[in-house]
Amino acid sequence: MPAESKLSCSEPVHAWSALGVATAGLAHLENTPPLPCQDAVGAVAGPRAALVAADGAGSSPASDRGARTLVTAMLRLADTLEAQLAWLLDADTEPDPEAVRQFAALLVRHAQGTLEDLAAEQCRPVRDLRCTLLLALVGRERLLWLKVGDGEIVLERAVPSDAQEGGEPELLPHLSTLGERGKGEFANQTVFVDERLAFEQVQYGSEPVAALTGIALMSDGAAEKLVSLDGEQVSGQLSHWLDDLRQGRLRQRDLVRRFYSESFCRGTGGDDRSIALAARDLESL
């Protein structure tokens, strides 16, 4: 895993910058006929930073449509519920845990309803459209996150380093994951957004945004090279991407090239790879 970068300041127009990309895995491209990318991502910088990622189930024939539709629907819902999000995430006081639970349950119900409506429109079972779901919504004081199935949510925080003699301590990025590593009842099983999903299978929570400098949501295909299996180690490559993003240097093509590079593909199963990134202007800390 690459060494971590130092945090460098820039002056973007907004407090947050956001970027996302989803790429078809080599195993999908080499199939006959080629399979579509079953990952989808959405990344919005403002007025409220929001990231959504969905990974369609490989066994579901139309999960690519389900993933794309779900990402669009969750971003639209976040925009529609701005007043509720402001109350939950922008106030100085920590939100009541029950209020967070109720809002998370609302998000899950909307996700299930979105796929149920799409299934009815296409005259197919919901199982054909099922996918995982990762979501992060950012407020002035707190971040709300939600996780259904596998994939990873990574937070980057600015941590002061030990000062050199006669110098000022500098800020270094610290990366950590949210949620449990378990995918389901069995080792190779995960859960999906579908009509059978129970709220007890959903992971969610809120985190303070103090010292928060970046967020990354990624499918398991991308996480395979960026996060260790136990979630304890996260590649410093994420901090390099986040720093490039906040300085306006990162483009979708940079991520695509890396995902298809020989070093990234070596030793993997060739799954689809997707990532959604949000980087905070360090001057706003």
C-alpha atoms as a PDB file:
ATOM      1  CA  MET A   1       0.000   0.000   0.000  1.00  0.00           C
ATOM      2  CA  PRO A   2       1.417   3.467  -0.900  1.00  0.00           C
ATOM      3  CA  ALA A   3       2.815   5.708   1.804  1.00  0.00           C
ATOM      4  CA  GLU A   4       0.496   8.358   3.194  1.00  0.00           C
ATOM      5  CA  SER A   5       0.734  11.918   1.950  1.00  0.00           C
ATOM      6  CA  LYS A   6       0.944  15.057   4.022  1.00  0.00           C
ATOM      7  CA  LEU A   7      -2.165  17.223   3.999  1.00  0.00           C
ATOM      8  CA  SER A   8      -1.760  20.337   1.903  1.00  0.00           C
ATOM      9  CA  CYS A   9      -4.105  23.315   1.865  1.00  0.00           C
ATOM     10  CA  SER A  10      -5.854  24.792  -1.162  1.00  0.00           C
ATOM     11  CA  GLU A  11      -8.645  27.277  -1.801  1.00  0.00           C
ATOM     12  CA  PRO A  12     -11.508  25.571  -3.649  1.00  0.00           C
ATOM     13  CA  VAL A  13     -14.762  27.426  -4.244  1.00  0.00           C
ATOM     14  CA  HIS A  14     -16.787  25.106  -1.988  1.00  0.00           C
ATOM     15  CA  ALA A  15     -16.010  23.564   1.387  1.00  0.00           C
ATOM     16  CA  TRP A  16     -16.238  20.110  -0.218  1.00  0.00           C
ATOM     17  CA  SER A  17     -15.255  18.687  -3.593  1.00  0.00           C
ATOM     18  CA  ALA A  18     -16.721  15.406  -4.829  1.00  0.00           C
ATOM     19  CA  LEU A  19     -16.014  12.883  -7.586  1.00  0.00           C
ATOM     20  CA  GLY A  20     -17.140   9.358  -8.390  1.00  0.00           C
ATOM     21  CA  VAL A  21     -16.486   6.697 -11.008  1.00  0.00           C
ATOM     22  CA  ALA A  22     -17.694   3.149 -11.697  1.00  0.00           C
ATOM     23  CA  THR A  23     -15.793   0.838 -14.044  1.00  0.00           C
ATOM     24  CA  ALA A  24     -16.576  -2.607 -15.420  1.00  0.00           C
ATOM     25  CA  GLY A  25     -14.241  -5.291 -14.137  1.00  0.00           C
ATOM     26  CA  LEU A  26     -12.005  -7.277 -16.469  1.00  0.00           C
ATOM     27  CA  ALA A  27     -13.995 -10.433 -15.750  1.00  0.00           C
ATOM     28  CA  HIS A  28     -17.113  -8.664 -17.044  1.00  0.00           C
ATOM     29  CA  LEU A  29     -15.365  -7.262 -20.112  1.00  0.00           C
ATOM     30  CA  GLU A  30     -13.857 -10.639 -21.021  1.00  0.00           C
ATOM     31  CA  ASN A  31     -17.186 -12.446 -20.739  1.00  0.00           C
ATOM     32  CA  THR A  32     -18.972 -13.478 -23.970  1.00  0.00           C
ATOM     33  CA  PRO A  33     -20.974 -11.358 -24.478  1.00  0.00           C
ATOM     34  CA  PRO A  34     -19.438  -8.664 -22.220  1.00  0.00           C
ATOM     35  CA  LEU A  35     -21.418  -7.951 -19.070  1.00  0.00           C
ATOM     36  CA  PRO A  36     -22.385  -4.384 -18.099  1.00  0.00           C
ATOM     37  CA  CYS A  37     -20.874  -2.678 -15.083  1.00  0.00           C
ATOM     38  CA  GLN A  38     -23.119  -3.549 -12.142  1.00  0.00           C
ATOM     39  CA  ASP A  39     -21.686  -0.793  -9.909  1.00  0.00           C
ATOM     40  CA  ALA A  40     -23.066   2.738  -9.720  1.00  0.00           C
ATOM     41  CA  VAL A  41     -21.953   5.803  -7.767  1.00  0.00           C
ATOM     42  CA  GLY A  42     -23.139   9.329  -7.126  1.00  0.00           C
ATOM     43  CA  ALA A  43     -21.097  12.193  -5.647  1.00  0.00           C
ATOM     44  CA  VAL A  44     -22.451  15.683  -4.873  1.00  0.00           C
ATOM     45  CA  ALA A  45     -20.329  18.453  -3.371  1.00  0.00           C
ATOM     46  CA  GLY A  46     -23.032  20.923  -2.367  1.00  0.00           C
ATOM     47  CA  PRO A  47     -25.024  22.491  -0.979  1.00  0.00           C
ATOM     48  CA  ARG A  48     -24.599  19.363   1.187  1.00  0.00           C
ATOM     49  CA  ALA A  49     -21.892  16.825   0.378  1.00  0.00           C
ATOM     50  CA  ALA A  50     -23.484  13.457  -0.364  1.00  0.00           C
ATOM     51  CA  LEU A  51     -22.016  10.170  -1.576  1.00  0.00           C
ATOM     52  CA  VAL A  52     -23.892   7.036  -2.670  1.00  0.00           C
ATOM     53  CA  ALA A  53     -22.564   3.747  -4.039  1.00  0.00           C
ATOM     54  CA  ALA A  54     -24.402   0.574  -5.071  1.00  0.00           C
ATOM     55  CA  ASP A  55     -23.036  -2.781  -6.223  1.00  0.00           C
ATOM     56  CA  GLY A  56     -25.454  -4.986  -8.130  1.00  0.00           C
ATOM     57  CA  ALA A  57     -25.674  -8.658  -7.231  1.00  0.00           C
ATOM     58  CA  GLY A  58     -23.834 -10.777  -9.788  1.00  0.00           C
ATOM     59  CA  SER A  59     -26.609 -13.368  -9.745  1.00  0.00           C
ATOM     60  CA  SER A  60     -29.296 -10.789 -10.602  1.00  0.00           C
ATOM     61  CA  PRO A  61     -29.757 -10.204 -14.358  1.00  0.00           C
ATOM     62  CA  ALA A  62     -30.790  -6.529 -14.125  1.00  0.00           C
ATOM     63  CA  SER A  63     -28.866  -5.447 -11.038  1.00  0.00           C
ATOM     64  CA  ASP A  64     -27.002  -2.807 -13.055  1.00  0.00           C
ATOM     65  CA  ARG A  65     -30.347  -1.041 -13.589  1.00  0.00           C
ATOM     66  CA  GLY A  66     -31.223  -1.454  -9.951  1.00  0.00           C
ATOM     67  CA  ALA A  67     -27.906   0.043  -8.811  1.00  0.00           C
ATOM     68  CA  ARG A  68     -28.141   3.070 -11.126  1.00  0.00           C
ATOM     69  CA  THR A  69     -31.759   3.742 -10.200  1.00  0.00           C
ATOM     70  CA  LEU A  70     -31.073   3.411  -6.483  1.00  0.00           C
ATOM     71  CA  VAL A  71     -28.139   5.845  -6.536  1.00  0.00           C
ATOM     72  CA  THR A  72     -30.220   8.482  -8.333  1.00  0.00           C
ATOM     73  CA  ALA A  73     -33.174   7.948  -5.992  1.00  0.00           C
ATOM     74  CA  MET A  74     -31.115   8.262  -2.797  1.00  0.00           C
ATOM     75  CA  LEU A  75     -29.482  11.501  -3.929  1.00  0.00           C
ATOM     76  CA  ARG A  76     -32.880  12.899  -4.835  1.00  0.00           C
ATOM     77  CA  LEU A  77     -34.286  11.881  -1.457  1.00  0.00           C
ATOM     78  CA  ALA A  78     -31.419  13.581   0.373  1.00  0.00           C
ATOM     79  CA  ASP A  79     -32.146  16.789  -1.535  1.00  0.00           C
ATOM     80  CA  THR A  80     -35.878  16.500  -0.798  1.00  0.00           C
ATOM     81  CA  LEU A  81     -35.322  15.954   2.937  1.00  0.00           C
ATOM     82  CA  GLU A  82     -32.897  18.843   3.366  1.00  0.00           C
ATOM     83  CA  ALA A  83     -34.856  20.332   6.277  1.00  0.00           C
ATOM     84  CA  GLN A  84     -34.719  17.067   8.226  1.00  0.00           C
ATOM     85  CA  LEU A  85     -31.018  16.626   7.452  1.00  0.00           C
ATOM     86  CA  ALA A  86     -30.261  20.157   8.640  1.00  0.00           C
ATOM     87  CA  TRP A  87     -31.975  19.367  11.946  1.00  0.00           C
ATOM     88  CA  LEU A  88     -30.054  16.102  12.334  1.00  0.00           C
ATOM     89  CA  LEU A  89     -26.599  17.073  11.084  1.00  0.00           C
ATOM     90  CA  ASP A  90     -26.148  20.847  11.374  1.00  0.00           C
ATOM     91  CA  ALA A  91     -27.144  21.529  15.000  1.00  0.00           C
ATOM     92  CA  ASP A  92     -24.543  21.975  17.725  1.00  0.00           C
ATOM     93  CA  THR A  93     -26.156  19.325  19.913  1.00  0.00           C
ATOM     94  CA  GLU A  94     -25.780  15.634  19.172  1.00  0.00           C
ATOM     95  CA  PRO A  95     -28.965  14.165  17.636  1.00  0.00           C
ATOM     96  CA  ASP A  96     -31.086  11.755  19.625  1.00  0.00           C
ATOM     97  CA  PRO A  97     -30.114   8.146  18.707  1.00  0.00           C
ATOM     98  CA  GLU A  98     -33.752   7.300  18.111  1.00  0.00           C
ATOM     99  CA  ALA A  99     -34.039  10.137  15.600  1.00  0.00           C
ATOM    100  CA  VAL A 100     -30.986   8.806  13.752  1.00  0.00           C
ATOM    101  CA  ARG A 101     -32.474   5.296  13.777  1.00  0.00           C
ATOM    102  CA  GLN A 102     -35.790   6.550  12.399  1.00  0.00           C
ATOM    103  CA  PHE A 103     -34.087   8.490   9.620  1.00  0.00           C
ATOM    104  CA  ALA A 104     -31.946   5.482   8.707  1.00  0.00           C
ATOM    105  CA  ALA A 105     -35.096   3.328   8.596  1.00  0.00           C
ATOM    106  CA  LEU A 106     -36.713   5.912   6.301  1.00  0.00           C
ATOM    107  CA  LEU A 107     -33.721   5.722   3.945  1.00  0.00           C
ATOM    108  CA  VAL A 108     -33.951   1.927   3.843  1.00  0.00           C
ATOM    109  CA  ARG A 109     -37.694   1.957   3.185  1.00  0.00           C
ATOM    110  CA  HIS A 110     -37.175   4.408   0.328  1.00  0.00           C
ATOM    111  CA  ALA A 111     -34.429   2.221  -1.139  1.00  0.00           C
ATOM    112  CA  GLN A 112     -36.635  -0.877  -0.979  1.00  0.00           C
ATOM    113  CA  GLY A 113     -39.599   1.006  -2.421  1.00  0.00           C
ATOM    114  CA  THR A 114     -37.490   2.339  -5.284  1.00  0.00           C
ATOM    115  CA  LEU A 115     -36.526  -1.168  -6.383  1.00  0.00           C
ATOM    116  CA  GLU A 116     -40.050  -2.487  -5.860  1.00  0.00           C
ATOM    117  CA  ASP A 117     -41.437   0.263  -8.120  1.00  0.00           C
ATOM    118  CA  LEU A 118     -38.798  -0.428 -10.772  1.00  0.00           C
ATOM    119  CA  ALA A 119     -39.522  -4.164 -10.622  1.00  0.00           C
ATOM    120  CA  ALA A 120     -43.256  -3.543 -11.089  1.00  0.00           C
ATOM    121  CA  GLU A 121     -42.583  -1.212 -14.027  1.00  0.00           C
ATOM    122  CA  GLN A 122     -40.414  -3.834 -15.721  1.00  0.00           C
ATOM    123  CA  CYS A 123     -42.640  -6.812 -14.777  1.00  0.00           C
ATOM    124  CA  ARG A 124     -39.823  -8.661 -13.058  1.00  0.00           C
ATOM    125  CA  PRO A 125     -39.088  -9.776  -9.486  1.00  0.00           C
ATOM    126  CA  VAL A 126     -37.201  -7.423  -7.158  1.00  0.00           C
ATOM    127  CA  ARG A 127     -34.519 -10.113  -6.880  1.00  0.00           C
ATOM    128  CA  ASP A 128     -33.478  -9.285 -10.465  1.00  0.00           C
ATOM    129  CA  LEU A 129     -32.574  -5.731  -9.385  1.00  0.00           C
ATOM    130  CA  ARG A 130     -31.052  -6.179  -5.927  1.00  0.00           C
ATOM    131  CA  CYS A 131     -27.824  -4.434  -4.953  1.00  0.00           C
ATOM    132  CA  THR A 132     -25.796  -3.301  -1.972  1.00  0.00           C
ATOM    133  CA  LEU A 133     -25.950   0.296  -0.735  1.00  0.00           C
ATOM    134  CA  LEU A 134     -23.413   2.662   0.838  1.00  0.00           C
ATOM    135  CA  LEU A 135     -24.387   6.224   1.742  1.00  0.00           C
ATOM    136  CA  ALA A 136     -22.785   9.233   3.476  1.00  0.00           C
ATOM    137  CA  LEU A 137     -24.462  12.607   4.081  1.00  0.00           C
ATOM    138  CA  VAL A 138     -22.428  15.465   5.538  1.00  0.00           C
ATOM    139  CA  GLY A 139     -23.577  18.267   7.824  1.00  0.00           C
ATOM    140  CA  ARG A 140     -21.856  21.154   9.573  1.00  0.00           C
ATOM    141  CA  GLU A 141     -21.495  19.132  12.768  1.00  0.00           C
ATOM    142  CA  ARG A 142     -22.083  15.472  11.950  1.00  0.00           C
ATOM    143  CA  LEU A 143     -21.988  12.882   9.193  1.00  0.00           C
ATOM    144  CA  LEU A 144     -24.729  10.276   8.691  1.00  0.00           C
ATOM    145  CA  TRP A 145     -23.670   6.953   7.172  1.00  0.00           C
ATOM    146  CA  LEU A 146     -25.516   3.812   6.142  1.00  0.00           C
ATOM    147  CA  LYS A 147     -24.304   0.450   4.884  1.00  0.00           C
ATOM    148  CA  VAL A 148     -26.230  -2.494   3.399  1.00  0.00           C
ATOM    149  CA  GLY A 149     -24.025  -5.398   2.359  1.00  0.00           C
ATOM    150  CA  ASP A 150     -20.334  -5.321   1.520  1.00  0.00           C
ATOM    151  CA  GLY A 151     -18.085  -2.547   0.273  1.00  0.00           C
ATOM    152  CA  GLU A 152     -16.267  -0.017   2.436  1.00  0.00           C
ATOM    153  CA  ILE A 153     -16.826   3.426   3.935  1.00  0.00           C
ATOM    154  CA  VAL A 154     -13.538   5.143   4.809  1.00  0.00           C
ATOM    155  CA  LEU A 155     -13.067   8.397   6.720  1.00  0.00           C
ATOM    156  CA  GLU A 156      -9.948  10.553   6.606  1.00  0.00           C
ATOM    157  CA  ARG A 157      -9.231  12.792   9.599  1.00  0.00           C
ATOM    158  CA  ALA A 158      -6.438  15.301  10.179  1.00  0.00           C
ATOM    159  CA  VAL A 159      -4.242  14.183  13.072  1.00  0.00           C
ATOM    160  CA  PRO A 160      -1.394  16.375  14.382  1.00  0.00           C
ATOM    161  CA  SER A 161       2.036  14.774  14.197  1.00  0.00           C
ATOM    162  CA  ASP A 162       4.819  15.179  16.740  1.00  0.00           C
ATOM    163  CA  ALA A 163       6.467  18.555  16.232  1.00  0.00           C
ATOM    164  CA  GLN A 164      10.106  18.645  15.222  1.00  0.00           C
ATOM    165  CA  GLU A 165      12.381  20.658  17.500  1.00  0.00           C
ATOM    166  CA  GLY A 166      11.651  24.334  16.995  1.00  0.00           C
ATOM    167  CA  GLY A 167       8.849  23.630  14.525  1.00  0.00           C
ATOM    168  CA  GLU A 168       5.086  23.471  14.418  1.00  0.00           C
ATOM    169  CA  PRO A 169       3.274  20.112  14.368  1.00  0.00           C
ATOM    170  CA  GLU A 170       1.924  19.312  10.924  1.00  0.00           C
ATOM    171  CA  LEU A 171      -1.363  17.612  10.137  1.00  0.00           C
ATOM    172  CA  LEU A 172      -1.231  14.081   8.775  1.00  0.00           C
ATOM    173  CA  PRO A 173      -4.150  12.064   7.368  1.00  0.00           C
ATOM    174  CA  HIS A 174      -5.493   9.142   9.372  1.00  0.00           C
ATOM    175  CA  LEU A 175      -7.739   6.663   7.536  1.00  0.00           C
ATOM    176  CA  SER A 176     -10.297   4.398   9.223  1.00  0.00           C
ATOM    177  CA  THR A 177     -13.281   2.296   8.159  1.00  0.00           C
ATOM    178  CA  LEU A 178     -16.887   2.372   9.332  1.00  0.00           C
ATOM    179  CA  GLY A 179     -19.058  -0.689   9.901  1.00  0.00           C
ATOM    180  CA  GLU A 180     -18.353  -4.324  10.538  1.00  0.00           C
ATOM    181  CA  ARG A 181     -16.478  -6.535   8.110  1.00  0.00           C
ATOM    182  CA  GLY A 182     -19.080  -9.319   8.250  1.00  0.00           C
ATOM    183  CA  LYS A 183     -21.010  -9.746   5.017  1.00  0.00           C
ATOM    184  CA  GLY A 184     -23.733 -12.115   6.087  1.00  0.00           C
ATOM    185  CA  GLU A 185     -24.473 -15.351   7.861  1.00  0.00           C
ATOM    186  CA  PHE A 186     -21.840 -17.212   5.844  1.00  0.00           C
ATOM    187  CA  ALA A 187     -18.329 -16.259   4.736  1.00  0.00           C
ATOM    188  CA  ASN A 188     -19.129 -15.635   1.059  1.00  0.00           C
ATOM    189  CA  GLN A 189     -22.609 -14.220   1.578  1.00  0.00           C
ATOM    190  CA  THR A 190     -23.716 -10.600   1.719  1.00  0.00           C
ATOM    191  CA  VAL A 191     -27.051  -8.822   2.100  1.00  0.00           C
ATOM    192  CA  PHE A 192     -28.782  -6.673  -0.500  1.00  0.00           C
ATOM    193  CA  VAL A 193     -31.497  -4.092  -0.789  1.00  0.00           C
ATOM    194  CA  ASP A 194     -34.548  -6.152  -1.752  1.00  0.00           C
ATOM    195  CA  GLU A 195     -37.956  -7.016  -0.335  1.00  0.00           C
ATOM    196  CA  ARG A 196     -36.411  -9.442   2.187  1.00  0.00           C
ATOM    197  CA  LEU A 197     -33.989  -6.972   3.772  1.00  0.00           C
ATOM    198  CA  ALA A 198     -34.621  -6.530   7.506  1.00  0.00           C
ATOM    199  CA  PHE A 199     -33.572  -3.327   9.252  1.00  0.00           C
ATOM    200  CA  GLU A 200     -31.536  -5.404  11.708  1.00  0.00           C
ATOM    201  CA  GLN A 201     -29.208  -6.208   8.783  1.00  0.00           C
ATOM    202  CA  VAL A 202     -28.516  -2.519   8.125  1.00  0.00           C
ATOM    203  CA  GLN A 203     -25.488  -0.761   9.597  1.00  0.00           C
ATOM    204  CA  TYR A 204     -25.750   2.989  10.215  1.00  0.00           C
ATOM    205  CA  GLY A 205     -24.577   5.751  12.514  1.00  0.00           C
ATOM    206  CA  SER A 206     -23.450   9.344  12.847  1.00  0.00           C
ATOM    207  CA  GLU A 207     -19.926  10.704  13.275  1.00  0.00           C
ATOM    208  CA  PRO A 208     -18.609  14.163  14.233  1.00  0.00           C
ATOM    209  CA  VAL A 209     -17.116  16.110  11.332  1.00  0.00           C
ATOM    210  CA  ALA A 210     -14.485  17.782  13.521  1.00  0.00           C
ATOM    211  CA  ALA A 211     -11.108  17.182  11.833  1.00  0.00           C
ATOM    212  CA  LEU A 212     -12.850  15.234   9.044  1.00  0.00           C
ATOM    213  CA  THR A 213     -10.995  15.881   5.785  1.00  0.00           C
ATOM    214  CA  GLY A 214     -12.263  13.200   3.406  1.00  0.00           C
ATOM    215  CA  ILE A 215     -14.732  10.399   2.763  1.00  0.00           C
ATOM    216  CA  ALA A 216     -14.521   7.426   0.402  1.00  0.00           C
ATOM    217  CA  LEU A 217     -17.227   4.913  -0.492  1.00  0.00           C
ATOM    218  CA  MET A 218     -16.124   1.935  -2.565  1.00  0.00           C
ATOM    219  CA  SER A 219     -17.447  -1.368  -3.838  1.00  0.00           C
ATOM    220  CA  ASP A 220     -15.747  -4.576  -2.757  1.00  0.00           C
ATOM    221  CA  GLY A 221     -13.992  -4.712  -6.143  1.00  0.00           C
ATOM    222  CA  ALA A 222     -12.147  -1.463  -5.376  1.00  0.00           C
ATOM    223  CA  ALA A 223     -11.751  -2.238  -1.678  1.00  0.00           C
ATOM    224  CA  GLU A 224      -9.985  -5.470  -2.594  1.00  0.00           C
ATOM    225  CA  LYS A 225      -6.829  -3.441  -3.272  1.00  0.00           C
ATOM    226  CA  LEU A 226      -7.411  -0.475  -0.965  1.00  0.00           C
ATOM    227  CA  VAL A 227      -8.592  -1.962   2.354  1.00  0.00           C
ATOM    228  CA  SER A 228      -7.304  -5.027   4.182  1.00  0.00           C
ATOM    229  CA  LEU A 229      -9.729  -7.895   4.825  1.00  0.00           C
ATOM    230  CA  ASP A 230      -9.989  -7.049   8.522  1.00  0.00           C
ATOM    231  CA  GLY A 231     -10.474  -3.333   7.812  1.00  0.00           C
ATOM    232  CA  GLU A 232      -7.490  -2.392   9.980  1.00  0.00           C
ATOM    233  CA  GLN A 233      -5.283  -1.134   7.147  1.00  0.00           C
ATOM    234  CA  VAL A 234      -6.309   1.362   4.474  1.00  0.00           C
ATOM    235  CA  SER A 235      -4.101   2.268   1.523  1.00  0.00           C
ATOM    236  CA  GLY A 236      -2.522   5.709   1.642  1.00  0.00           C
ATOM    237  CA  GLN A 237      -3.484   6.002  -2.030  1.00  0.00           C
ATOM    238  CA  LEU A 238      -6.857   7.286  -0.807  1.00  0.00           C
ATOM    239  CA  SER A 239      -5.218  10.248   0.911  1.00  0.00           C
ATOM    240  CA  HIS A 240      -3.311  11.077  -2.291  1.00  0.00           C
ATOM    241  CA  TRP A 241      -6.572  10.999  -4.280  1.00  0.00           C
ATOM    242  CA  LEU A 242      -8.392  13.097  -1.680  1.00  0.00           C
ATOM    243  CA  ASP A 243      -5.629  15.701  -1.649  1.00  0.00           C
ATOM    244  CA  ASP A 244      -5.608  15.857  -5.445  1.00  0.00           C
ATOM    245  CA  LEU A 245      -9.399  16.214  -5.392  1.00  0.00           C
ATOM    246  CA  ARG A 246      -9.424  19.135  -2.948  1.00  0.00           C
ATOM    247  CA  GLN A 247      -6.840  20.889  -5.099  1.00  0.00           C
ATOM    248  CA  GLY A 248      -8.748  20.316  -8.326  1.00  0.00           C
ATOM    249  CA  ARG A 249      -6.195  17.931  -9.802  1.00  0.00           C
ATOM    250  CA  LEU A 250      -8.153  14.660  -9.782  1.00  0.00           C
ATOM    251  CA  ARG A 251     -10.246  13.582 -12.772  1.00  0.00           C
ATOM    252  CA  GLN A 252     -12.400  10.527 -13.424  1.00  0.00           C
ATOM    253  CA  ARG A 253      -9.924   9.313 -16.019  1.00  0.00           C
ATOM    254  CA  ASP A 254      -7.179   9.225 -13.364  1.00  0.00           C
ATOM    255  CA  LEU A 255      -9.237   6.786 -11.309  1.00  0.00           C
ATOM    256  CA  VAL A 256     -10.180   4.713 -14.368  1.00  0.00           C
ATOM    257  CA  ARG A 257      -6.546   4.388 -15.428  1.00  0.00           C
ATOM    258  CA  ARG A 258      -5.555   3.253 -11.957  1.00  0.00           C
ATOM    259  CA  PHE A 259      -8.378   0.700 -11.749  1.00  0.00           C
ATOM    260  CA  TYR A 260      -7.252  -0.853 -15.053  1.00  0.00           C
ATOM    261  CA  SER A 261      -3.523  -0.680 -14.290  1.00  0.00           C
ATOM    262  CA  GLU A 262      -1.554  -3.915 -14.136  1.00  0.00           C
ATOM    263  CA  SER A 263      -0.631  -3.385 -10.483  1.00  0.00           C
ATOM    264  CA  PHE A 264      -4.264  -2.877  -9.462  1.00  0.00           C
ATOM    265  CA  CYS A 265      -5.573  -5.853 -11.455  1.00  0.00           C
ATOM    266  CA  ARG A 266      -2.879  -8.332 -10.484  1.00  0.00           C
ATOM    267  CA  GLY A 267      -4.149 -11.018  -8.099  1.00  0.00           C
ATOM    268  CA  THR A 268      -7.807  -9.927  -8.195  1.00  0.00           C
ATOM    269  CA  GLY A 269     -10.980 -11.579  -9.406  1.00  0.00           C
ATOM    270  CA  GLY A 270     -11.672  -8.915 -12.024  1.00  0.00           C
ATOM    271  CA  ASP A 271     -14.798  -7.567 -10.325  1.00  0.00           C
ATOM    272  CA  ASP A 272     -16.346  -4.174 -11.112  1.00  0.00           C
ATOM    273  CA  ARG A 273     -14.683  -1.271  -9.302  1.00  0.00           C
ATOM    274  CA  SER A 274     -16.343   1.896  -8.121  1.00  0.00           C
ATOM    275  CA  ILE A 275     -15.460   4.708  -5.761  1.00  0.00           C
ATOM    276  CA  ALA A 276     -17.083   7.954  -4.610  1.00  0.00           C
ATOM    277  CA  LEU A 277     -14.854  10.559  -2.970  1.00  0.00           C
ATOM    278  CA  ALA A 278     -15.481  13.785  -1.062  1.00  0.00           C
ATOM    279  CA  ALA A 279     -12.594  16.005   0.082  1.00  0.00           C
ATOM    280  CA  ARG A 280     -12.912  18.926   2.440  1.00  0.00           C
ATOM    281  CA  ASP A 281     -11.190  22.291   2.041  1.00  0.00           C
ATOM    282  CA  LEU A 282      -8.667  22.332   4.898  1.00  0.00           C
ATOM    283  CA  GLU A 283      -9.249  26.050   5.459  1.00  0.00           C
ATOM    284  CA  SER A 284     -12.790  25.202   6.634  1.00  0.00           C
ATOM    285  CA  LEU A 285     -11.579  23.026   9.530  1.00  0.00           C
END
